[in-house]
Every structure is written in C-alpha cells, then in structure tokens.
Amino acid sequence: MLYFFRLIRYKNLLIIILTQYLMRWSIIKPILTAYNFELQFSELNFFFLVMATVLLTAAGYVINDYFDAKTDMVNRPDTVIVGRVLNRRWAILWHVIINIVGIGLGAYISFYIGIPSLTLVFIMVTGILWFYSTTYKRQFLIGNVIVALLTAMVPLMVLLFEIPLLNQKYGLLMEELRSDFTHIIVWVMAFSVFAFLLTMIREIIKDIEDYEGDSIYGRKTLPIVTGVLNSKIVIITFILTTIFSLLYINFTFLNDKITLVYFSIFLLIPLVLLLYKIIKASSKKDYHKASNLTKWIMLSGISYALVANYIINHTF
C-alpha cells in the first residue's frame, strides 16, 4: 500500500486538496461574505470536485510512471514501482479505474450545476495526461507547458464550478449594484499564475536532473536541445519574473506590511536562494535539492491564501 501511495504521489495530491480548499474558504468565501452573499456550491459537491481533480491527477501519475519505467531506471532507479513492485497490467487497470471514477464525479457535478458540457473538461484532462506521458513530454517544451497549465488549472477549477451558481443566484443583484465577481477571479488567477511559473521552473530543473536518461532514450527536452547552460538561463528568467511579479503585486495592489513580511520570508528570500542554487548547480544532486526547494516555495505561495483571508476580511 505504501508503494501505491508513492506511485500516485500522495504528497502532491495533498497539496492539490489544500490548494482548492484554501481557494474556497480563504479567498472566495470571505469576499462573498463582504457582499452578504453565500457559497452556492455545496460542501459535498465541492468535495466531489476536489476528489475528481485528485483522482485524475493520480491516474496521470500512474500512466506517466508506466511509460517512464525505462528512463526512470536510469534517472532514479530507487523510485521505480511499475514493473518492479506493481505489475504493468495492474498499473494500467488502476489507471483506468481511477480515471473512470474521477470522470464520473466530474460528470455528476457538471450536471448538478446545469452545465453538462463541463464534463468534457475532465475527459480532456484525462486525454491530455495520456498523450503527455506517451508523446508530449518527449517533445521540446510542450510537456513542460502542459504540466504547468494543468497545475494552474487546479485553483481555477474552484472558480469554474462556483461562479456559474453565483451568477444564477446573485447575477441580477450584481447588475443593479453595477458590480461583478471580478475580485474573486483576480485573486484566484494570481494563485494560478504563480503555480504556472513555479511549475515551469521545477519542470525544467527536473529535465536537467534527468538529462542522462532522457538523452539515452532520445527525448527532446530543453536541456538536450539547447544545452544545460541555456536551460539554466531560462530557469533564472522565470525566477526573476516571479520575484518582480510578487514585488509588483505587493506595492501596486496590496501594499500592506503583512504581505511584504510574508513575501520576503517565505517567497522572495527562498526564490533568491533558489536562484543561487541554480547558478551554482553542477551535479544531479544539486538540481534535486533545487527541485525540492521549488516545491516548498510553491507550498508557501499557496499558504499565502491564509494571509489573503485576513487582508480580505479587513479590506472589504
């Protein structure tokens, strides 16, 4: 059972759960409360949304490891589960079962909010993850961008199923007030953009870390096509973009001391440290440490939602 949890990357799944609940309880709910509005998506159905997201992601990890078994034997042999601990046929079976349950939950909540076509989102994600594992991740930059976009979708999924119900309930009233739900969208979008940038950074770091195995099996990752040095320059560009974006957001839109302190301690200083690590990195071990640091920075960025909750409650 422990190996199965490792296979589906349970730590990453817990981050997904945390992200979506923080978006709901720390961002969307307090803004609605300021308008004397209430969440329209029930807690049970929101749980189904979270589980659908988690299950599709877990299925993606299973199929990814299924097709990556050979390269992983070179890049990280100690982590290989499919083909060693778990039979390859069982891996495919689990992939199918998890996807069916995830799509089923997604279909249910899509029909519940009266937009059955949203079922296609879950079906498309399943297909994209399949083709990512079989094709896209072997191509230049396409795989990195797909993973980053799917990660950015995690907080956006909360909006996708809450906003239609809010418009049904409060749309006419918001028109009378000459207002809308832009505040909610902007806040959640900010977390999505942050998730995209950090994921791009981590994906390219992992590509450098996996250079040996990827080159043996003919993959066209950024480090293989452009070289490690140019890949480091791309990573540094993304890190600097993230740093300046955080500073811009703080001083232009928020401009409060709590955010500045939080950004400085938990985001800006770690990002500068990551920048230093990337510049100095020369071994697989160095890039692995940098990748882990990126994970912690992303977790810190998500946890800022708790600070945002305080700011929203004292601003609106």
C-alpha atoms as a PDB file:
ATOM      1  CA  MET A   1       0.000   0.000   0.000  1.00  0.00           C
ATOM      2  CA  LEU A   2       2.891   2.354   0.771  1.00  0.00           C
ATOM      3  CA  TYR A   3       4.267   1.804  -2.730  1.00  0.00           C
ATOM      4  CA  PHE A   4       0.861   2.625  -4.225  1.00  0.00           C
ATOM      5  CA  PHE A   5       0.747   5.935  -2.352  1.00  0.00           C
ATOM      6  CA  ARG A   6       4.253   6.675  -3.594  1.00  0.00           C
ATOM      7  CA  LEU A   7       3.145   5.812  -7.128  1.00  0.00           C
ATOM      8  CA  ILE A   8       0.270   8.328  -7.065  1.00  0.00           C
ATOM      9  CA  ARG A   9       2.496  10.990  -5.397  1.00  0.00           C
ATOM     10  CA  TYR A  10       0.265  11.368  -2.341  1.00  0.00           C
ATOM     11  CA  LYS A  11       2.165  14.449  -1.145  1.00  0.00           C
ATOM     12  CA  ASN A  12       1.366  16.282  -4.387  1.00  0.00           C
ATOM     13  CA  LEU A  13      -2.262  15.189  -4.111  1.00  0.00           C
ATOM     14  CA  LEU A  14      -2.446  16.629  -0.597  1.00  0.00           C
ATOM     15  CA  ILE A  15      -1.180  19.949  -1.991  1.00  0.00           C
ATOM     16  CA  ILE A  16      -3.979  19.884  -4.580  1.00  0.00           C
ATOM     17  CA  ILE A  17      -6.548  19.315  -1.833  1.00  0.00           C
ATOM     18  CA  LEU A  18      -5.044  22.119   0.254  1.00  0.00           C
ATOM     19  CA  THR A  19      -4.996  24.491  -2.735  1.00  0.00           C
ATOM     20  CA  GLN A  20      -8.620  24.018  -3.687  1.00  0.00           C
ATOM     21  CA  TYR A  21      -9.941  24.256  -0.133  1.00  0.00           C
ATOM     22  CA  LEU A  22      -7.864  27.372   0.519  1.00  0.00           C
ATOM     23  CA  MET A  23      -9.274  28.984  -2.633  1.00  0.00           C
ATOM     24  CA  ARG A  24     -12.785  28.209  -1.424  1.00  0.00           C
ATOM     25  CA  TRP A  25     -12.507  29.065   2.262  1.00  0.00           C
ATOM     26  CA  SER A  26      -9.782  31.727   2.330  1.00  0.00           C
ATOM     27  CA  ILE A  27     -10.426  33.628  -0.913  1.00  0.00           C
ATOM     28  CA  ILE A  28     -13.912  33.098  -2.324  1.00  0.00           C
ATOM     29  CA  LYS A  29     -15.914  32.776   0.911  1.00  0.00           C
ATOM     30  CA  PRO A  30     -14.619  35.951   2.654  1.00  0.00           C
ATOM     31  CA  ILE A  31     -15.179  38.069  -0.475  1.00  0.00           C
ATOM     32  CA  LEU A  32     -18.734  36.759  -0.772  1.00  0.00           C
ATOM     33  CA  THR A  33     -19.305  37.380   2.943  1.00  0.00           C
ATOM     34  CA  ALA A  34     -18.334  41.023   2.402  1.00  0.00           C
ATOM     35  CA  TYR A  35     -21.250  41.266  -0.062  1.00  0.00           C
ATOM     36  CA  ASN A  36     -23.516  39.351   2.345  1.00  0.00           C
ATOM     37  CA  PHE A  37     -23.539  36.524  -0.187  1.00  0.00           C
ATOM     38  CA  GLU A  38     -23.061  32.810   0.395  1.00  0.00           C
ATOM     39  CA  LEU A  39     -21.262  29.991  -1.407  1.00  0.00           C
ATOM     40  CA  GLN A  40     -23.682  28.194  -3.713  1.00  0.00           C
ATOM     41  CA  PHE A  41     -21.695  25.030  -4.399  1.00  0.00           C
ATOM     42  CA  SER A  42     -22.464  22.664  -1.504  1.00  0.00           C
ATOM     43  CA  GLU A  43     -19.652  21.243   0.643  1.00  0.00           C
ATOM     44  CA  LEU A  44     -20.427  17.704  -0.512  1.00  0.00           C
ATOM     45  CA  ASN A  45     -20.326  18.602  -4.184  1.00  0.00           C
ATOM     46  CA  PHE A  46     -17.175  20.646  -3.662  1.00  0.00           C
ATOM     47  CA  PHE A  47     -15.630  17.556  -2.057  1.00  0.00           C
ATOM     48  CA  PHE A  48     -16.583  15.632  -5.208  1.00  0.00           C
ATOM     49  CA  LEU A  49     -14.845  18.309  -7.311  1.00  0.00           C
ATOM     50  CA  VAL A  50     -11.680  18.024  -5.225  1.00  0.00           C
ATOM     51  CA  MET A  51     -11.772  14.226  -5.434  1.00  0.00           C
ATOM     52  CA  ALA A  52     -12.290  14.349  -9.207  1.00  0.00           C
ATOM     53  CA  THR A  53      -9.241  16.609  -9.548  1.00  0.00           C
ATOM     54  CA  VAL A  54      -7.167  14.398  -7.255  1.00  0.00           C
ATOM     55  CA  LEU A  55      -8.194  11.162  -8.970  1.00  0.00           C
ATOM     56  CA  LEU A  56      -7.416  12.411 -12.478  1.00  0.00           C
ATOM     57  CA  THR A  57      -4.044  13.651 -11.260  1.00  0.00           C
ATOM     58  CA  ALA A  58      -3.321  10.316  -9.555  1.00  0.00           C
ATOM     59  CA  ALA A  59      -4.243   8.442 -12.739  1.00  0.00           C
ATOM     60  CA  GLY A  60      -1.887  10.742 -14.632  1.00  0.00           C
ATOM     61  CA  TYR A  61       0.977   9.843 -12.296  1.00  0.00           C
ATOM     62  CA  VAL A  62       0.280   6.117 -12.758  1.00  0.00           C
ATOM     63  CA  ILE A  63       0.319   6.237 -16.554  1.00  0.00           C
ATOM     64  CA  ASN A  64       3.341   8.536 -16.522  1.00  0.00           C
ATOM     65  CA  ASP A  65       5.326   6.023 -14.475  1.00  0.00           C
ATOM     66  CA  TYR A  66       4.068   3.223 -16.724  1.00  0.00           C
ATOM     67  CA  PHE A  67       5.607   4.800 -19.821  1.00  0.00           C
ATOM     68  CA  ASP A  68       8.634   6.206 -17.970  1.00  0.00           C
ATOM     69  CA  ALA A  69       9.816   2.917 -16.444  1.00  0.00           C
ATOM     70  CA  LYS A  70      12.868   2.596 -18.704  1.00  0.00           C
ATOM     71  CA  THR A  71      14.114   6.165 -18.354  1.00  0.00           C
ATOM     72  CA  ASP A  72      13.442   6.136 -14.609  1.00  0.00           C
ATOM     73  CA  MET A  73      15.668   3.053 -14.281  1.00  0.00           C
ATOM     74  CA  VAL A  74      18.490   5.350 -15.449  1.00  0.00           C
ATOM     75  CA  ASN A  75      17.448   8.634 -13.845  1.00  0.00           C
ATOM     76  CA  ARG A  76      16.096   7.452 -10.477  1.00  0.00           C
ATOM     77  CA  PRO A  77      16.175   3.635 -10.187  1.00  0.00           C
ATOM     78  CA  ASP A  78      15.283   3.626  -6.469  1.00  0.00           C
ATOM     79  CA  THR A  79      11.867   5.180  -7.188  1.00  0.00           C
ATOM     80  CA  VAL A  80      10.709   2.781  -9.918  1.00  0.00           C
ATOM     81  CA  ILE A  81       7.497   0.981  -8.884  1.00  0.00           C
ATOM     82  CA  VAL A  82       5.755  -0.031 -12.120  1.00  0.00           C
ATOM     83  CA  GLY A  83       7.323  -3.209 -13.433  1.00  0.00           C
ATOM     84  CA  ARG A  84       9.167  -3.907 -10.193  1.00  0.00           C
ATOM     85  CA  VAL A  85       6.708  -3.688  -7.296  1.00  0.00           C
ATOM     86  CA  LEU A  86       3.472  -3.259  -9.273  1.00  0.00           C
ATOM     87  CA  ASN A  87       2.747  -5.408 -12.322  1.00  0.00           C
ATOM     88  CA  ARG A  88       2.412  -3.335 -15.504  1.00  0.00           C
ATOM     89  CA  ARG A  89      -1.057  -4.763 -16.228  1.00  0.00           C
ATOM     90  CA  TRP A  90      -2.217  -3.824 -12.748  1.00  0.00           C
ATOM     91  CA  ALA A  91      -0.861  -0.313 -13.312  1.00  0.00           C
ATOM     92  CA  ILE A  92      -2.993   0.063 -16.459  1.00  0.00           C
ATOM     93  CA  LEU A  93      -6.019  -1.354 -14.642  1.00  0.00           C
ATOM     94  CA  TRP A  94      -5.607   1.112 -11.779  1.00  0.00           C
ATOM     95  CA  HIS A  95      -5.182   3.925 -14.297  1.00  0.00           C
ATOM     96  CA  VAL A  96      -8.488   3.032 -15.968  1.00  0.00           C
ATOM     97  CA  ILE A  97     -10.423   2.571 -12.715  1.00  0.00           C
ATOM     98  CA  ILE A  98      -9.188   5.816 -11.154  1.00  0.00           C
ATOM     99  CA  ASN A  99      -9.974   7.752 -14.346  1.00  0.00           C
ATOM    100  CA  ILE A 100     -13.493   6.306 -14.585  1.00  0.00           C
ATOM    101  CA  VAL A 101     -14.289   7.308 -11.002  1.00  0.00           C
ATOM    102  CA  GLY A 102     -12.751  10.773 -11.494  1.00  0.00           C
ATOM    103  CA  ILE A 103     -14.636  11.453 -14.725  1.00  0.00           C
ATOM    104  CA  GLY A 104     -17.818  10.084 -13.134  1.00  0.00           C
ATOM    105  CA  LEU A 105     -17.581  12.537 -10.250  1.00  0.00           C
ATOM    106  CA  GLY A 106     -16.789  15.345 -12.677  1.00  0.00           C
ATOM    107  CA  ALA A 107     -19.815  14.464 -14.807  1.00  0.00           C
ATOM    108  CA  TYR A 108     -22.070  14.402 -11.759  1.00  0.00           C
ATOM    109  CA  ILE A 109     -21.116  17.876 -10.532  1.00  0.00           C
ATOM    110  CA  SER A 110     -21.247  19.256 -14.096  1.00  0.00           C
ATOM    111  CA  PHE A 111     -24.858  18.101 -14.445  1.00  0.00           C
ATOM    112  CA  TYR A 112     -25.561  19.341 -10.907  1.00  0.00           C
ATOM    113  CA  ILE A 113     -24.687  22.946 -11.764  1.00  0.00           C
ATOM    114  CA  GLY A 114     -26.603  22.706 -15.033  1.00  0.00           C
ATOM    115  CA  ILE A 115     -23.607  22.781 -17.383  1.00  0.00           C
ATOM    116  CA  PRO A 116     -23.200  19.176 -18.603  1.00  0.00           C
ATOM    117  CA  SER A 117     -20.591  20.271 -21.155  1.00  0.00           C
ATOM    118  CA  LEU A 118     -18.108  20.811 -18.307  1.00  0.00           C
ATOM    119  CA  THR A 119     -17.788  17.014 -18.242  1.00  0.00           C
ATOM    120  CA  LEU A 120     -15.587  17.495 -21.291  1.00  0.00           C
ATOM    121  CA  VAL A 121     -13.023  19.271 -19.090  1.00  0.00           C
ATOM    122  CA  PHE A 122     -12.421  16.077 -17.112  1.00  0.00           C
ATOM    123  CA  ILE A 123     -12.358  13.923 -20.238  1.00  0.00           C
ATOM    124  CA  MET A 124      -9.909  16.308 -21.932  1.00  0.00           C
ATOM    125  CA  VAL A 125      -7.611  16.360 -18.891  1.00  0.00           C
ATOM    126  CA  THR A 126      -7.533  12.551 -18.927  1.00  0.00           C
ATOM    127  CA  GLY A 127      -6.643  12.549 -22.617  1.00  0.00           C
ATOM    128  CA  ILE A 128      -4.020  15.260 -22.241  1.00  0.00           C
ATOM    129  CA  LEU A 129      -2.331  13.362 -19.400  1.00  0.00           C
ATOM    130  CA  TRP A 130      -2.282  10.192 -21.514  1.00  0.00           C
ATOM    131  CA  PHE A 131      -0.741  11.920 -24.524  1.00  0.00           C
ATOM    132  CA  TYR A 132       1.633  13.826 -22.241  1.00  0.00           C
ATOM    133  CA  SER A 133       3.001  10.510 -20.963  1.00  0.00           C
ATOM    134  CA  THR A 134       3.197   8.895 -24.404  1.00  0.00           C
ATOM    135  CA  THR A 135       4.248  11.803 -26.592  1.00  0.00           C
ATOM    136  CA  TYR A 136       4.272  15.399 -25.350  1.00  0.00           C
ATOM    137  CA  LYS A 137       6.857  15.033 -22.578  1.00  0.00           C
ATOM    138  CA  ARG A 138       9.347  13.776 -25.153  1.00  0.00           C
ATOM    139  CA  GLN A 139       8.959  16.936 -27.227  1.00  0.00           C
ATOM    140  CA  PHE A 140      10.657  20.288 -26.863  1.00  0.00           C
ATOM    141  CA  LEU A 141       8.984  22.383 -24.110  1.00  0.00           C
ATOM    142  CA  ILE A 142       5.452  21.134 -24.921  1.00  0.00           C
ATOM    143  CA  GLY A 143       5.407  18.733 -21.975  1.00  0.00           C
ATOM    144  CA  ASN A 144       6.643  21.408 -19.569  1.00  0.00           C
ATOM    145  CA  VAL A 145       3.977  23.885 -20.647  1.00  0.00           C
ATOM    146  CA  ILE A 146       1.204  21.263 -20.422  1.00  0.00           C
ATOM    147  CA  VAL A 147       2.141  20.306 -16.852  1.00  0.00           C
ATOM    148  CA  ALA A 148       2.355  23.982 -15.857  1.00  0.00           C
ATOM    149  CA  LEU A 149      -1.055  24.758 -17.402  1.00  0.00           C
ATOM    150  CA  LEU A 150      -2.681  21.758 -15.713  1.00  0.00           C
ATOM    151  CA  THR A 151      -1.193  22.849 -12.379  1.00  0.00           C
ATOM    152  CA  ALA A 152      -2.546  26.360 -12.940  1.00  0.00           C
ATOM    153  CA  MET A 153      -5.979  24.827 -13.549  1.00  0.00           C
ATOM    154  CA  VAL A 154      -6.148  23.415 -10.006  1.00  0.00           C
ATOM    155  CA  PRO A 155      -7.242  26.691  -8.329  1.00  0.00           C
ATOM    156  CA  LEU A 156      -9.232  27.715 -11.425  1.00  0.00           C
ATOM    157  CA  MET A 157     -11.404  24.596 -11.171  1.00  0.00           C
ATOM    158  CA  VAL A 158     -12.877  26.058  -7.983  1.00  0.00           C
ATOM    159  CA  LEU A 159     -13.980  29.141  -9.926  1.00  0.00           C
ATOM    160  CA  LEU A 160     -15.259  27.085 -12.840  1.00  0.00           C
ATOM    161  CA  PHE A 161     -17.905  25.426 -10.686  1.00  0.00           C
ATOM    162  CA  GLU A 162     -18.705  28.233  -8.218  1.00  0.00           C
ATOM    163  CA  ILE A 163     -19.083  31.267 -10.498  1.00  0.00           C
ATOM    164  CA  PRO A 164     -21.980  29.879 -12.617  1.00  0.00           C
ATOM    165  CA  LEU A 165     -24.029  29.196  -9.484  1.00  0.00           C
ATOM    166  CA  LEU A 166     -23.183  32.620  -8.072  1.00  0.00           C
ATOM    167  CA  ASN A 167     -24.326  34.263 -11.312  1.00  0.00           C
ATOM    168  CA  GLN A 168     -27.577  32.298 -11.201  1.00  0.00           C
ATOM    169  CA  LYS A 169     -28.251  33.380  -7.626  1.00  0.00           C
ATOM    170  CA  TYR A 170     -26.886  36.920  -7.493  1.00  0.00           C
ATOM    171  CA  GLY A 171     -26.425  37.948 -11.139  1.00  0.00           C
ATOM    172  CA  LEU A 172     -29.342  40.394 -11.287  1.00  0.00           C
ATOM    173  CA  LEU A 173     -28.440  41.932  -7.940  1.00  0.00           C
ATOM    174  CA  MET A 174     -24.835  42.423  -9.047  1.00  0.00           C
ATOM    175  CA  GLU A 175     -26.081  44.181 -12.197  1.00  0.00           C
ATOM    176  CA  GLU A 176     -28.116  46.564 -10.041  1.00  0.00           C
ATOM    177  CA  LEU A 177     -25.051  47.245  -7.916  1.00  0.00           C
ATOM    178  CA  ARG A 178     -23.004  47.698 -11.119  1.00  0.00           C
ATOM    179  CA  SER A 179     -20.568  45.153  -9.841  1.00  0.00           C
ATOM    180  CA  ASP A 180     -19.468  41.591 -10.580  1.00  0.00           C
ATOM    181  CA  PHE A 181     -17.231  38.868  -9.190  1.00  0.00           C
ATOM    182  CA  THR A 182     -14.011  40.282 -10.635  1.00  0.00           C
ATOM    183  CA  HIS A 183     -12.340  40.460  -7.202  1.00  0.00           C
ATOM    184  CA  ILE A 184     -12.724  36.715  -6.780  1.00  0.00           C
ATOM    185  CA  ILE A 185     -11.442  35.961 -10.278  1.00  0.00           C
ATOM    186  CA  VAL A 186      -8.394  38.238  -9.914  1.00  0.00           C
ATOM    187  CA  TRP A 187      -7.390  36.724  -6.557  1.00  0.00           C
ATOM    188  CA  VAL A 188      -7.674  33.141  -7.780  1.00  0.00           C
ATOM    189  CA  MET A 189      -5.986  33.971 -11.104  1.00  0.00           C
ATOM    190  CA  ALA A 190      -2.999  35.346  -9.197  1.00  0.00           C
ATOM    191  CA  PHE A 191      -2.516  31.985  -7.478  1.00  0.00           C
ATOM    192  CA  SER A 192      -2.869  30.220 -10.847  1.00  0.00           C
ATOM    193  CA  VAL A 193      -0.179  32.361 -12.476  1.00  0.00           C
ATOM    194  CA  PHE A 194       2.131  31.744  -9.510  1.00  0.00           C
ATOM    195  CA  ALA A 195       1.516  27.994  -9.815  1.00  0.00           C
ATOM    196  CA  PHE A 196       2.279  28.149 -13.549  1.00  0.00           C
ATOM    197  CA  LEU A 197       5.592  29.973 -13.069  1.00  0.00           C
ATOM    198  CA  LEU A 198       6.813  27.727 -10.241  1.00  0.00           C
ATOM    199  CA  THR A 199       5.822  24.590 -12.127  1.00  0.00           C
ATOM    200  CA  MET A 200       7.721  25.715 -15.223  1.00  0.00           C
ATOM    201  CA  ILE A 201      10.777  26.331 -13.041  1.00  0.00           C
ATOM    202  CA  ARG A 202      10.542  22.904 -11.412  1.00  0.00           C
ATOM    203  CA  GLU A 203       9.855  21.046 -14.665  1.00  0.00           C
ATOM    204  CA  ILE A 204      12.952  22.459 -16.348  1.00  0.00           C
ATOM    205  CA  ILE A 205      15.060  21.744 -13.257  1.00  0.00           C
ATOM    206  CA  LYS A 206      13.815  18.131 -13.359  1.00  0.00           C
ATOM    207  CA  ASP A 207      14.692  17.931 -17.067  1.00  0.00           C
ATOM    208  CA  ILE A 208      18.278  18.918 -16.272  1.00  0.00           C
ATOM    209  CA  GLU A 209      18.317  16.397 -13.433  1.00  0.00           C
ATOM    210  CA  ASP A 210      17.071  13.683 -15.825  1.00  0.00           C
ATOM    211  CA  TYR A 211      19.434  14.658 -18.638  1.00  0.00           C
ATOM    212  CA  GLU A 212      21.250  11.317 -18.717  1.00  0.00           C
ATOM    213  CA  GLY A 213      18.246   9.023 -19.070  1.00  0.00           C
ATOM    214  CA  ASP A 214      16.362  11.385 -21.382  1.00  0.00           C
ATOM    215  CA  SER A 215      19.301  11.648 -23.781  1.00  0.00           C
ATOM    216  CA  ILE A 216      19.726   7.852 -23.894  1.00  0.00           C
ATOM    217  CA  TYR A 217      16.102   7.388 -24.949  1.00  0.00           C
ATOM    218  CA  GLY A 218      16.072  10.240 -27.473  1.00  0.00           C
ATOM    219  CA  ARG A 219      13.887  12.777 -25.717  1.00  0.00           C
ATOM    220  CA  LYS A 220      13.940  16.381 -26.915  1.00  0.00           C
ATOM    221  CA  THR A 221      13.806  18.210 -23.596  1.00  0.00           C
ATOM    222  CA  LEU A 222      15.040  21.783 -23.223  1.00  0.00           C
ATOM    223  CA  PRO A 223      18.474  20.817 -21.760  1.00  0.00           C
ATOM    224  CA  ILE A 224      19.089  18.248 -24.512  1.00  0.00           C
ATOM    225  CA  VAL A 225      18.081  20.576 -27.349  1.00  0.00           C
ATOM    226  CA  THR A 226      19.617  23.851 -26.108  1.00  0.00           C
ATOM    227  CA  GLY A 227      22.152  22.677 -23.527  1.00  0.00           C
ATOM    228  CA  VAL A 228      22.260  22.842 -19.738  1.00  0.00           C
ATOM    229  CA  LEU A 229      23.626  26.404 -19.639  1.00  0.00           C
ATOM    230  CA  ASN A 230      20.805  27.823 -21.774  1.00  0.00           C
ATOM    231  CA  SER A 231      18.274  25.875 -19.712  1.00  0.00           C
ATOM    232  CA  LYS A 232      19.682  27.461 -16.559  1.00  0.00           C
ATOM    233  CA  ILE A 233      19.242  30.875 -18.170  1.00  0.00           C
ATOM    234  CA  VAL A 234      15.574  30.059 -18.870  1.00  0.00           C
ATOM    235  CA  ILE A 235      15.092  28.960 -15.240  1.00  0.00           C
ATOM    236  CA  ILE A 236      16.752  32.128 -13.971  1.00  0.00           C
ATOM    237  CA  THR A 237      14.446  34.195 -16.223  1.00  0.00           C
ATOM    238  CA  PHE A 238      11.374  32.500 -14.739  1.00  0.00           C
ATOM    239  CA  ILE A 239      12.683  33.012 -11.194  1.00  0.00           C
ATOM    240  CA  LEU A 240      13.336  36.722 -11.785  1.00  0.00           C
ATOM    241  CA  THR A 241       9.905  37.078 -13.418  1.00  0.00           C
ATOM    242  CA  THR A 242       8.324  35.544 -10.328  1.00  0.00           C
ATOM    243  CA  ILE A 243      10.287  37.791  -7.960  1.00  0.00           C
ATOM    244  CA  PHE A 244       9.432  41.001  -9.810  1.00  0.00           C
ATOM    245  CA  SER A 245       5.793  39.929 -10.190  1.00  0.00           C
ATOM    246  CA  LEU A 246       5.485  39.425  -6.431  1.00  0.00           C
ATOM    247  CA  LEU A 247       7.047  42.827  -5.751  1.00  0.00           C
ATOM    248  CA  TYR A 248       4.775  44.482  -8.325  1.00  0.00           C
ATOM    249  CA  ILE A 249       1.650  42.891  -6.854  1.00  0.00           C
ATOM    250  CA  ASN A 250       2.626  43.864  -3.333  1.00  0.00           C
ATOM    251  CA  PHE A 251       3.444  47.510  -3.988  1.00  0.00           C
ATOM    252  CA  THR A 252       0.775  48.132  -6.646  1.00  0.00           C
ATOM    253  CA  PHE A 253      -2.290  46.270  -5.414  1.00  0.00           C
ATOM    254  CA  LEU A 254      -1.773  45.205  -1.807  1.00  0.00           C
ATOM    255  CA  ASN A 255       0.820  47.486  -0.257  1.00  0.00           C
ATOM    256  CA  ASP A 256       0.470  46.122   3.277  1.00  0.00           C
ATOM    257  CA  LYS A 257       3.197  45.205   5.756  1.00  0.00           C
ATOM    258  CA  ILE A 258       1.887  41.717   6.486  1.00  0.00           C
ATOM    259  CA  THR A 259       2.126  40.713   2.827  1.00  0.00           C
ATOM    260  CA  LEU A 260       5.577  42.254   2.470  1.00  0.00           C
ATOM    261  CA  VAL A 261       6.850  40.344   5.516  1.00  0.00           C
ATOM    262  CA  TYR A 262       5.288  37.092   4.310  1.00  0.00           C
ATOM    263  CA  PHE A 263       6.553  37.534   0.743  1.00  0.00           C
ATOM    264  CA  SER A 264      10.046  38.409   1.997  1.00  0.00           C
ATOM    265  CA  ILE A 265      10.449  35.494   4.407  1.00  0.00           C
ATOM    266  CA  PHE A 266       8.581  32.709   2.642  1.00  0.00           C
ATOM    267  CA  LEU A 267       8.839  33.619  -1.050  1.00  0.00           C
ATOM    268  CA  LEU A 268      11.407  36.245  -2.010  1.00  0.00           C
ATOM    269  CA  ILE A 269      14.333  35.011   0.114  1.00  0.00           C
ATOM    270  CA  PRO A 270      13.729  31.357  -0.885  1.00  0.00           C
ATOM    271  CA  LEU A 271      13.492  32.425  -4.547  1.00  0.00           C
ATOM    272  CA  VAL A 272      16.824  34.263  -4.271  1.00  0.00           C
ATOM    273  CA  LEU A 273      18.276  31.139  -2.634  1.00  0.00           C
ATOM    274  CA  LEU A 274      16.876  29.046  -5.494  1.00  0.00           C
ATOM    275  CA  LEU A 275      18.461  31.466  -7.956  1.00  0.00           C
ATOM    276  CA  TYR A 276      21.816  30.998  -6.234  1.00  0.00           C
ATOM    277  CA  LYS A 277      21.433  27.208  -6.210  1.00  0.00           C
ATOM    278  CA  ILE A 278      20.655  27.113  -9.939  1.00  0.00           C
ATOM    279  CA  ILE A 279      23.634  29.308 -10.794  1.00  0.00           C
ATOM    280  CA  LYS A 280      25.968  27.127  -8.710  1.00  0.00           C
ATOM    281  CA  ALA A 281      24.406  23.751  -9.589  1.00  0.00           C
ATOM    282  CA  SER A 282      26.722  21.297 -11.318  1.00  0.00           C
ATOM    283  CA  SER A 283      25.546  17.843 -10.263  1.00  0.00           C
ATOM    284  CA  LYS A 284      22.355  15.794 -10.311  1.00  0.00           C
ATOM    285  CA  LYS A 285      22.208  16.123  -6.525  1.00  0.00           C
ATOM    286  CA  ASP A 286      22.324  19.932  -6.780  1.00  0.00           C
ATOM    287  CA  TYR A 287      19.369  20.008  -9.163  1.00  0.00           C
ATOM    288  CA  HIS A 288      17.420  17.567  -6.996  1.00  0.00           C
ATOM    289  CA  LYS A 289      17.824  19.895  -3.999  1.00  0.00           C
ATOM    290  CA  ALA A 290      16.756  22.858  -6.143  1.00  0.00           C
ATOM    291  CA  SER A 291      13.677  20.929  -7.270  1.00  0.00           C
ATOM    292  CA  ASN A 292      12.693  20.204  -3.669  1.00  0.00           C
ATOM    293  CA  LEU A 293      13.166  23.860  -2.727  1.00  0.00           C
ATOM    294  CA  THR A 294      10.829  24.815  -5.575  1.00  0.00           C
ATOM    295  CA  LYS A 295       8.171  22.561  -4.050  1.00  0.00           C
ATOM    296  CA  TRP A 296       8.446  24.349  -0.708  1.00  0.00           C
ATOM    297  CA  ILE A 297       8.218  27.748  -2.391  1.00  0.00           C
ATOM    298  CA  MET A 298       5.059  26.655  -4.190  1.00  0.00           C
ATOM    299  CA  LEU A 299       3.563  25.411  -0.922  1.00  0.00           C
ATOM    300  CA  SER A 300       4.418  28.760   0.711  1.00  0.00           C
ATOM    301  CA  GLY A 301       2.750  30.590  -2.166  1.00  0.00           C
ATOM    302  CA  ILE A 302      -0.423  28.553  -1.753  1.00  0.00           C
ATOM    303  CA  SER A 303      -0.386  29.083   2.019  1.00  0.00           C
ATOM    304  CA  TYR A 304      -0.403  32.854   1.429  1.00  0.00           C
ATOM    305  CA  ALA A 305      -4.157  32.360   0.961  1.00  0.00           C
ATOM    306  CA  LEU A 306      -4.393  32.366   4.771  1.00  0.00           C
ATOM    307  CA  VAL A 307      -2.811  35.836   4.843  1.00  0.00           C
ATOM    308  CA  ALA A 308      -5.056  36.892   1.966  1.00  0.00           C
ATOM    309  CA  ASN A 309      -8.048  35.798   4.037  1.00  0.00           C
ATOM    310  CA  TYR A 310      -7.021  38.240   6.770  1.00  0.00           C
ATOM    311  CA  ILE A 311      -6.448  41.048   4.254  1.00  0.00           C
ATOM    312  CA  ILE A 312      -9.810  40.487   2.534  1.00  0.00           C
ATOM    313  CA  ASN A 313     -11.665  40.462   5.856  1.00  0.00           C
ATOM    314  CA  HIS A 314     -10.101  43.806   6.803  1.00  0.00           C
ATOM    315  CA  THR A 315     -10.381  45.469   3.372  1.00  0.00           C
ATOM    316  CA  PHE A 316     -13.893  44.839   2.077  1.00  0.00           C
END
